[in-house]
PDB file of N, CA and C in Angstrom:
ATOM      1  N   MET A   1       5.173  -6.004  22.764  1.00  0.00           N
ATOM      2  CA  MET A   1       5.811  -6.720  21.667  1.00  0.00           C
ATOM      3  C   MET A   1       6.978  -5.882  21.150  1.00  0.00           C
ATOM      4  N   THR A   2       8.122  -6.507  20.993  1.00  0.00           N
ATOM      5  CA  THR A   2       9.287  -5.783  20.497  1.00  0.00           C
ATOM      6  C   THR A   2       9.377  -5.922  18.987  1.00  0.00           C
ATOM      7  N   ARG A   3      10.025  -4.967  18.408  1.00  0.00           N
ATOM      8  CA  ARG A   3      10.176  -4.937  16.964  1.00  0.00           C
ATOM      9  C   ARG A   3      11.292  -5.892  16.541  1.00  0.00           C
ATOM     10  N   GLN A   4      11.021  -6.700  15.515  1.00  0.00           N
ATOM     11  CA  GLN A   4      12.031  -7.621  15.026  1.00  0.00           C
ATOM     12  C   GLN A   4      13.069  -6.870  14.219  1.00  0.00           C
ATOM     13  N   ARG A   5      14.315  -7.282  14.361  1.00  0.00           N
ATOM     14  CA  ARG A   5      15.404  -6.714  13.561  1.00  0.00           C
ATOM     15  C   ARG A   5      15.975  -7.829  12.698  1.00  0.00           C
ATOM     16  N   PHE A   6      16.196  -7.519  11.441  1.00  0.00           N
ATOM     17  CA  PHE A   6      16.716  -8.500  10.506  1.00  0.00           C
ATOM     18  C   PHE A   6      18.050  -8.016   9.963  1.00  0.00           C
ATOM     19  N   THR A   7      18.982  -8.931   9.802  1.00  0.00           N
ATOM     20  CA  THR A   7      20.281  -8.581   9.232  1.00  0.00           C
ATOM     21  C   THR A   7      20.120  -8.322   7.741  1.00  0.00           C
ATOM     22  N   GLN A   8      21.067  -7.615   7.176  1.00  0.00           N
ATOM     23  CA  GLN A   8      21.033  -7.338   5.744  1.00  0.00           C
ATOM     24  C   GLN A   8      21.135  -8.647   4.954  1.00  0.00           C
ATOM     25  N   GLU A   9      21.902  -9.583   5.459  1.00  0.00           N
ATOM     26  CA  GLU A   9      22.033 -10.880   4.793  1.00  0.00           C
ATOM     27  C   GLU A   9      20.679 -11.597   4.728  1.00  0.00           C
ATOM     28  N   TYR A  10      19.931 -11.557   5.815  1.00  0.00           N
ATOM     29  CA  TYR A  10      18.611 -12.182   5.856  1.00  0.00           C
ATOM     30  C   TYR A  10      17.683 -11.503   4.850  1.00  0.00           C
ATOM     31  N   LYS A  11      17.713 -10.174   4.811  1.00  0.00           N
ATOM     32  CA  LYS A  11      16.865  -9.428   3.870  1.00  0.00           C
ATOM     33  C   LYS A  11      17.208  -9.800   2.429  1.00  0.00           C
ATOM     34  N   ASP A  12      18.509  -9.854   2.130  1.00  0.00           N
ATOM     35  CA  ASP A  12      18.944 -10.193   0.772  1.00  0.00           C
ATOM     36  C   ASP A  12      18.485 -11.589   0.369  1.00  0.00           C
ATOM     37  N   GLN A  13      18.589 -12.529   1.298  1.00  0.00           N
ATOM     38  CA  GLN A  13      18.154 -13.894   1.002  1.00  0.00           C
ATOM     39  C   GLN A  13      16.638 -13.951   0.794  1.00  0.00           C
ATOM     40  N   ALA A  14      15.900 -13.230   1.611  1.00  0.00           N
ATOM     41  CA  ALA A  14      14.440 -13.203   1.476  1.00  0.00           C
ATOM     42  C   ALA A  14      14.034 -12.595   0.135  1.00  0.00           C
ATOM     43  N   VAL A  15      14.697 -11.521  -0.252  1.00  0.00           N
ATOM     44  CA  VAL A  15      14.390 -10.856  -1.516  1.00  0.00           C
ATOM     45  C   VAL A  15      14.714 -11.777  -2.685  1.00  0.00           C
ATOM     46  N   SER A  16      15.803 -12.524  -2.592  1.00  0.00           N
ATOM     47  CA  SER A  16      16.182 -13.402  -3.700  1.00  0.00           C
ATOM     48  C   SER A  16      15.203 -14.555  -3.867  1.00  0.00           C
ATOM     49  N   LEU A  17      14.486 -14.906  -2.811  1.00  0.00           N
ATOM     50  CA  LEU A  17      13.515 -15.997  -2.901  1.00  0.00           C
ATOM     51  C   LEU A  17      12.291 -15.625  -3.726  1.00  0.00           C
ATOM     52  N   VAL A  18      11.937 -14.363  -3.749  1.00  0.00           N
ATOM     53  CA  VAL A  18      10.682 -13.945  -4.395  1.00  0.00           C
ATOM     54  C   VAL A  18      10.667 -14.259  -5.888  1.00  0.00           C
ATOM     55  N   PRO A  19      11.629 -13.775  -6.691  1.00  0.00           N
ATOM     56  CA  PRO A  19      11.537 -14.097  -8.125  1.00  0.00           C
ATOM     57  C   PRO A  19      11.852 -15.566  -8.423  1.00  0.00           C
ATOM     58  N   ASP A  20      12.680 -16.191  -7.600  1.00  0.00           N
ATOM     59  CA  ASP A  20      13.065 -17.581  -7.839  1.00  0.00           C
ATOM     60  C   ASP A  20      11.922 -18.553  -7.598  1.00  0.00           C
ATOM     61  N   SER A  21      11.049 -18.226  -6.660  1.00  0.00           N
ATOM     62  CA  SER A  21      10.005 -19.169  -6.270  1.00  0.00           C
ATOM     63  C   SER A  21       8.786 -19.123  -7.192  1.00  0.00           C
ATOM     64  N   GLY A  22       8.555 -17.995  -7.820  1.00  0.00           N
ATOM     65  CA  GLY A  22       7.360 -17.846  -8.641  1.00  0.00           C
ATOM     66  C   GLY A  22       6.107 -17.619  -7.815  1.00  0.00           C
ATOM     67  N   ARG A  23       6.269 -17.433  -6.512  1.00  0.00           N
ATOM     68  CA  ARG A  23       5.143 -17.199  -5.611  1.00  0.00           C
ATOM     69  C   ARG A  23       4.996 -15.697  -5.369  1.00  0.00           C
ATOM     70  N   THR A  24       3.853 -15.310  -4.851  1.00  0.00           N
ATOM     71  CA  THR A  24       3.621 -13.897  -4.570  1.00  0.00           C
ATOM     72  C   THR A  24       4.380 -13.480  -3.319  1.00  0.00           C
ATOM     73  N   ILE A  25       4.527 -12.188  -3.156  1.00  0.00           N
ATOM     74  CA  ILE A  25       5.200 -11.650  -1.972  1.00  0.00           C
ATOM     75  C   ILE A  25       4.440 -12.046  -0.717  1.00  0.00           C
ATOM     76  N   VAL A  26       3.115 -12.023  -0.781  1.00  0.00           N
ATOM     77  CA  VAL A  26       2.303 -12.385   0.386  1.00  0.00           C
ATOM     78  C   VAL A  26       2.573 -13.832   0.798  1.00  0.00           C
ATOM     79  N   ASP A  27       2.589 -14.745  -0.174  1.00  0.00           N
ATOM     80  CA  ASP A  27       2.860 -16.154   0.134  1.00  0.00           C
ATOM     81  C   ASP A  27       4.260 -16.341   0.710  1.00  0.00           C
ATOM     82  N   MET A  28       5.231 -15.679   0.099  1.00  0.00           N
ATOM     83  CA  MET A  28       6.613 -15.811   0.584  1.00  0.00           C
ATOM     84  C   MET A  28       6.744 -15.229   1.985  1.00  0.00           C
ATOM     85  N   ALA A  29       6.116 -14.090   2.222  1.00  0.00           N
ATOM     86  CA  ALA A  29       6.200 -13.456   3.536  1.00  0.00           C
ATOM     87  C   ALA A  29       5.629 -14.377   4.616  1.00  0.00           C
ATOM     88  N   ARG A  30       4.511 -14.997   4.321  1.00  0.00           N
ATOM     89  CA  ARG A  30       3.912 -15.926   5.293  1.00  0.00           C
ATOM     90  C   ARG A  30       4.819 -17.118   5.550  1.00  0.00           C
ATOM     91  N   SER A  31       5.458 -17.620   4.506  1.00  0.00           N
ATOM     92  CA  SER A  31       6.284 -18.819   4.670  1.00  0.00           C
ATOM     93  C   SER A  31       7.568 -18.536   5.449  1.00  0.00           C
ATOM     94  N   ILE A  32       8.074 -17.303   5.388  1.00  0.00           N
ATOM     95  CA  ILE A  32       9.289 -16.984   6.148  1.00  0.00           C
ATOM     96  C   ILE A  32       8.983 -16.169   7.408  1.00  0.00           C
ATOM     97  N   ASP A  33       7.692 -16.025   7.706  1.00  0.00           N
ATOM     98  CA  ASP A  33       7.244 -15.354   8.936  1.00  0.00           C
ATOM     99  C   ASP A  33       7.705 -13.892   9.025  1.00  0.00           C
ATOM    100  N   VAL A  34       7.467 -13.172   7.919  1.00  0.00           N
ATOM    101  CA  VAL A  34       7.747 -11.737   7.838  1.00  0.00           C
ATOM    102  C   VAL A  34       6.472 -11.080   7.341  1.00  0.00           C
ATOM    103  N   HIS A  35       6.168  -9.901   7.806  1.00  0.00           N
ATOM    104  CA  HIS A  35       4.974  -9.202   7.344  1.00  0.00           C
ATOM    105  C   HIS A  35       5.121  -8.882   5.858  1.00  0.00           C
ATOM    106  N   GLU A  36       4.012  -9.035   5.104  1.00  0.00           N
ATOM    107  CA  GLU A  36       4.094  -8.857   3.656  1.00  0.00           C
ATOM    108  C   GLU A  36       4.510  -7.447   3.245  1.00  0.00           C
ATOM    109  N   ILE A  37       4.120  -6.451   4.007  1.00  0.00           N
ATOM    110  CA  ILE A  37       4.525  -5.076   3.672  1.00  0.00           C
ATOM    111  C   ILE A  37       6.027  -4.909   3.851  1.00  0.00           C
ATOM    112  N   THR A  38       6.560  -5.535   4.875  1.00  0.00           N
ATOM    113  CA  THR A  38       8.001  -5.472   5.115  1.00  0.00           C
ATOM    114  C   THR A  38       8.757  -6.108   3.959  1.00  0.00           C
ATOM    115  N   LEU A  39       8.340  -7.300   3.555  1.00  0.00           N
ATOM    116  CA  LEU A  39       9.009  -7.976   2.442  1.00  0.00           C
ATOM    117  C   LEU A  39       8.854  -7.177   1.152  1.00  0.00           C
ATOM    118  N   ALA A  40       7.685  -6.612   0.925  1.00  0.00           N
ATOM    119  CA  ALA A  40       7.465  -5.806  -0.276  1.00  0.00           C
ATOM    120  C   ALA A  40       8.396  -4.596  -0.301  1.00  0.00           C
ATOM    121  N   GLN A  41       8.626  -3.987   0.849  1.00  0.00           N
ATOM    122  CA  GLN A  41       9.547  -2.848   0.924  1.00  0.00           C
ATOM    123  C   GLN A  41      10.978  -3.284   0.628  1.00  0.00           C
ATOM    124  N   TRP A  42      11.370  -4.434   1.154  1.00  0.00           N
ATOM    125  CA  TRP A  42      12.714  -4.944   0.871  1.00  0.00           C
ATOM    126  C   TRP A  42      12.892  -5.196  -0.623  1.00  0.00           C
ATOM    127  N   VAL A  43      11.869  -5.787  -1.247  1.00  0.00           N
ATOM    128  CA  VAL A  43      11.935  -6.082  -2.683  1.00  0.00           C
ATOM    129  C   VAL A  43      11.998  -4.783  -3.480  1.00  0.00           C
ATOM    130  N   ARG A  44      11.178  -3.799  -3.113  1.00  0.00           N
ATOM    131  CA  ARG A  44      11.173  -2.509  -3.822  1.00  0.00           C
ATOM    132  C   ARG A  44      12.539  -1.835  -3.728  1.00  0.00           C
ATOM    133  N   LYS A  45      13.118  -1.811  -2.535  1.00  0.00           N
ATOM    134  CA  LYS A  45      14.430  -1.184  -2.363  1.00  0.00           C
ATOM    135  C   LYS A  45      15.498  -1.907  -3.159  1.00  0.00           C
ATOM    136  N   ALA A  46      15.419  -3.226  -3.190  1.00  0.00           N
ATOM    137  CA  ALA A  46      16.392  -4.001  -3.951  1.00  0.00           C
ATOM    138  C   ALA A  46      16.244  -3.740  -5.447  1.00  0.00           C
ATOM    139  N   LYS A  47      15.010  -3.614  -5.915  1.00  0.00           N
ATOM    140  CA  LYS A  47      14.793  -3.318  -7.337  1.00  0.00           C
ATOM    141  C   LYS A  47      15.315  -1.937  -7.686  1.00  0.00           C
ATOM    142  N   GLU A  48      15.106  -0.977  -6.791  1.00  0.00           N
ATOM    143  CA  GLU A  48      15.580   0.389  -7.039  1.00  0.00           C
ATOM    144  C   GLU A  48      17.094   0.438  -7.126  1.00  0.00           C
ATOM    145  N   SER A  49      17.765  -0.429  -6.380  1.00  0.00           N
ATOM    146  CA  SER A  49      19.228  -0.447  -6.416  1.00  0.00           C
ATOM    147  C   SER A  49      19.741  -1.527  -7.362  1.00  0.00           C
ATOM    148  N   ASP A  50      18.853  -2.094  -8.178  1.00  0.00           N
ATOM    149  CA  ASP A  50      19.194  -3.108  -9.185  1.00  0.00           C
ATOM    150  C   ASP A  50      19.839  -4.346  -8.595  1.00  0.00           C
ATOM    151  N   GLN A  51      19.436  -4.745  -7.408  1.00  0.00           N
ATOM    152  CA  GLN A  51      19.967  -5.957  -6.807  1.00  0.00           C
ATOM    153  C   GLN A  51      19.111  -7.171  -7.129  1.00  0.00           C
ATOM    154  N   VAL A  52      17.905  -6.950  -7.598  1.00  0.00           N
ATOM    155  CA  VAL A  52      17.014  -8.062  -7.941  1.00  0.00           C
ATOM    156  C   VAL A  52      17.082  -8.252  -9.447  1.00  0.00           C
ATOM    157  N   PRO A  53      17.487  -9.431  -9.893  1.00  0.00           N
ATOM    158  CA  PRO A  53      17.543  -9.651 -11.336  1.00  0.00           C
ATOM    159  C   PRO A  53      16.145  -9.723 -11.923  1.00  0.00           C
ATOM    160  N   GLU A  54      15.995  -9.143 -13.091  1.00  0.00           N
ATOM    161  CA  GLU A  54      14.723  -9.226 -13.795  1.00  0.00           C
ATOM    162  C   GLU A  54      14.544 -10.657 -14.290  1.00  0.00           C
ATOM    163  N   PRO A  55      13.326 -11.147 -14.316  1.00  0.00           N
ATOM    164  CA  PRO A  55      13.120 -12.488 -14.853  1.00  0.00           C
ATOM    165  C   PRO A  55      13.528 -12.547 -16.320  1.00  0.00           C
ATOM    166  N   ASP A  56      13.987 -13.701 -16.772  1.00  0.00           N
ATOM    167  CA  ASP A  56      14.388 -13.855 -18.166  1.00  0.00           C
ATOM    168  C   ASP A  56      13.178 -13.665 -19.067  1.00  0.00           C
ATOM    169  N   LEU A  57      13.304 -12.718 -19.988  1.00  0.00           N
ATOM    170  CA  LEU A  57      12.217 -12.415 -20.913  1.00  0.00           C
ATOM    171  C   LEU A  57      12.716 -12.582 -22.336  1.00  0.00           C
ATOM    172  N   PRO A  58      11.817 -12.903 -23.239  1.00  0.00           N
ATOM    173  CA  PRO A  58      12.209 -12.927 -24.649  1.00  0.00           C
ATOM    174  C   PRO A  58      12.673 -11.532 -25.081  1.00  0.00           C
ATOM    175  N   GLU A  59      13.494 -11.492 -26.115  1.00  0.00           N
ATOM    176  CA  GLU A  59      14.086 -10.233 -26.568  1.00  0.00           C
ATOM    177  C   GLU A  59      13.028  -9.188 -26.916  1.00  0.00           C
ATOM    178  N   THR A  60      11.927  -9.600 -27.514  1.00  0.00           N
ATOM    179  CA  THR A  60      10.883  -8.644 -27.885  1.00  0.00           C
ATOM    180  C   THR A  60      10.247  -8.035 -26.638  1.00  0.00           C
ATOM    181  N   ASP A  61      10.061  -8.845 -25.598  1.00  0.00           N
ATOM    182  CA  ASP A  61       9.497  -8.330 -24.356  1.00  0.00           C
ATOM    183  C   ASP A  61      10.463  -7.371 -23.675  1.00  0.00           C
ATOM    184  N   CYS A  62      11.756  -7.675 -23.733  1.00  0.00           N
ATOM    185  CA  CYS A  62      12.757  -6.791 -23.133  1.00  0.00           C
ATOM    186  C   CYS A  62      12.748  -5.426 -23.823  1.00  0.00           C
ATOM    187  N   ALA A  63      12.652  -5.433 -25.138  1.00  0.00           N
ATOM    188  CA  ALA A  63      12.627  -4.172 -25.887  1.00  0.00           C
ATOM    189  C   ALA A  63      11.373  -3.380 -25.531  1.00  0.00           C
ATOM    190  N   GLU A  64      10.236  -4.067 -25.435  1.00  0.00           N
ATOM    191  CA  GLU A  64       9.004  -3.379 -25.077  1.00  0.00           C
ATOM    192  C   GLU A  64       9.060  -2.843 -23.657  1.00  0.00           C
ATOM    193  N   LEU A  65       9.622  -3.629 -22.740  1.00  0.00           N
ATOM    194  CA  LEU A  65       9.761  -3.197 -21.357  1.00  0.00           C
ATOM    195  C   LEU A  65      10.630  -1.940 -21.267  1.00  0.00           C
ATOM    196  N   GLU A  66      11.723  -1.915 -21.995  1.00  0.00           N
ATOM    197  CA  GLU A  66      12.602  -0.744 -22.001  1.00  0.00           C
ATOM    198  C   GLU A  66      11.870   0.477 -22.563  1.00  0.00           C
ATOM    199  N   ARG A  67      11.110   0.278 -23.646  1.00  0.00           N
ATOM    200  CA  ARG A  67      10.346   1.382 -24.241  1.00  0.00           C
ATOM    201  C   ARG A  67       9.313   1.925 -23.258  1.00  0.00           C
ATOM    202  N   LEU A  68       8.627   1.018 -22.565  1.00  0.00           N
ATOM    203  CA  LEU A  68       7.605   1.435 -21.608  1.00  0.00           C
ATOM    204  C   LEU A  68       8.218   2.148 -20.407  1.00  0.00           C
ATOM    205  N   ARG A  69       9.386   1.720 -19.974  1.00  0.00           N
ATOM    206  CA  ARG A  69      10.058   2.401 -18.859  1.00  0.00           C
ATOM    207  C   ARG A  69      10.438   3.828 -19.245  1.00  0.00           C
ATOM    208  N   LYS A  70      10.932   4.002 -20.464  1.00  0.00           N
ATOM    209  CA  LYS A  70      11.277   5.348 -20.939  1.00  0.00           C
ATOM    210  C   LYS A  70      10.028   6.217 -21.045  1.00  0.00           C
ATOM    211  N   GLU A  71       8.968   5.635 -21.582  1.00  0.00           N
ATOM    212  CA  GLU A  71       7.711   6.371 -21.708  1.00  0.00           C
ATOM    213  C   GLU A  71       7.171   6.757 -20.330  1.00  0.00           C
ATOM    214  N   ASN A  72       7.260   5.847 -19.383  1.00  0.00           N
ATOM    215  CA  ASN A  72       6.807   6.109 -18.023  1.00  0.00           C
ATOM    216  C   ASN A  72       7.611   7.256 -17.397  1.00  0.00           C
ATOM    217  N   ALA A  73       8.912   7.250 -17.590  1.00  0.00           N
ATOM    218  CA  ALA A  73       9.751   8.319 -17.048  1.00  0.00           C
ATOM    219  C   ALA A  73       9.372   9.665 -17.663  1.00  0.00           C
ATOM    220  N   THR A  74       9.121   9.675 -18.962  1.00  0.00           N
ATOM    221  CA  THR A  74       8.726  10.907 -19.645  1.00  0.00           C
ATOM    222  C   THR A  74       7.388  11.414 -19.113  1.00  0.00           C
ATOM    223  N   LEU A  75       6.434  10.513 -18.956  1.00  0.00           N
ATOM    224  CA  LEU A  75       5.112  10.911 -18.463  1.00  0.00           C
ATOM    225  C   LEU A  75       5.187  11.431 -17.027  1.00  0.00           C
ATOM    226  N   ARG A  76       6.015  10.808 -16.208  1.00  0.00           N
ATOM    227  CA  ARG A  76       6.178  11.300 -14.829  1.00  0.00           C
ATOM    228  C   ARG A  76       6.776  12.706 -14.815  1.00  0.00           C
ATOM    229  N   MET A  77       7.749  12.933 -15.688  1.00  0.00           N
ATOM    230  CA  MET A  77       8.359  14.249 -15.776  1.00  0.00           C
ATOM    231  C   MET A  77       7.331  15.288 -16.237  1.00  0.00           C
ATOM    232  N   GLU A  78       6.551  14.942 -17.260  1.00  0.00           N
ATOM    233  CA  GLU A  78       5.519  15.870 -17.746  1.00  0.00           C
ATOM    234  C   GLU A  78       4.475  16.143 -16.680  1.00  0.00           C
ATOM    235  N   ARG A  79       4.091  15.121 -15.935  1.00  0.00           N
ATOM    236  CA  ARG A  79       3.121  15.305 -14.868  1.00  0.00           C
ATOM    237  C   ARG A  79       3.696  16.225 -13.784  1.00  0.00           C
ATOM    238  N   GLY A  80       4.971  16.076 -13.498  1.00  0.00           N
ATOM    239  CA  GLY A  80       5.614  16.929 -12.507  1.00  0.00           C
ATOM    240  C   GLY A  80       5.598  18.386 -12.939  1.00  0.00           C
ATOM    241  N   PHE A  81       5.851  18.633 -14.216  1.00  0.00           N
ATOM    242  CA  PHE A  81       5.813  19.999 -14.709  1.00  0.00           C
ATOM    243  C   PHE A  81       4.390  20.556 -14.670  1.00  0.00           C
ATOM    244  N   ALA A  82       3.411  19.713 -14.980  1.00  0.00           N
ATOM    245  CA  ALA A  82       2.022  20.158 -14.988  1.00  0.00           C
ATOM    246  C   ALA A  82       1.549  20.553 -13.578  1.00  0.00           C
ATOM    247  N   LYS A  83       2.050  19.854 -12.573  1.00  0.00           N
ATOM    248  CA  LYS A  83       1.667  20.174 -11.201  1.00  0.00           C
ATOM    249  C   LYS A  83       2.209  21.520 -10.754  1.00  0.00           C
ATOM    250  N   LYS A  84       3.361  21.884 -11.287  1.00  0.00           N
ATOM    251  CA  LYS A  84       3.975  23.157 -10.900  1.00  0.00           C
ATOM    252  C   LYS A  84       3.287  24.268 -11.623  1.00  0.00           C
TER     253      LYS A  84
END
């Protein structure tokens, strides 16, 4: 069995389907005939590079999300120092 190769355009389109559809990555992967781990990796990379838009959230949720992201970054940094 040979390894499938996908164009960047195909990956971008697949990633854009995930938040728009409201379906899980596993369901979307099955429907487009891509392994779920592969699609999950594409989505993760797109999120890291801010190519995937966040779903529309109420202003209070956005503020809480931002606070939690900052707290998470701080905790990761503290954990890193503790390991050393």
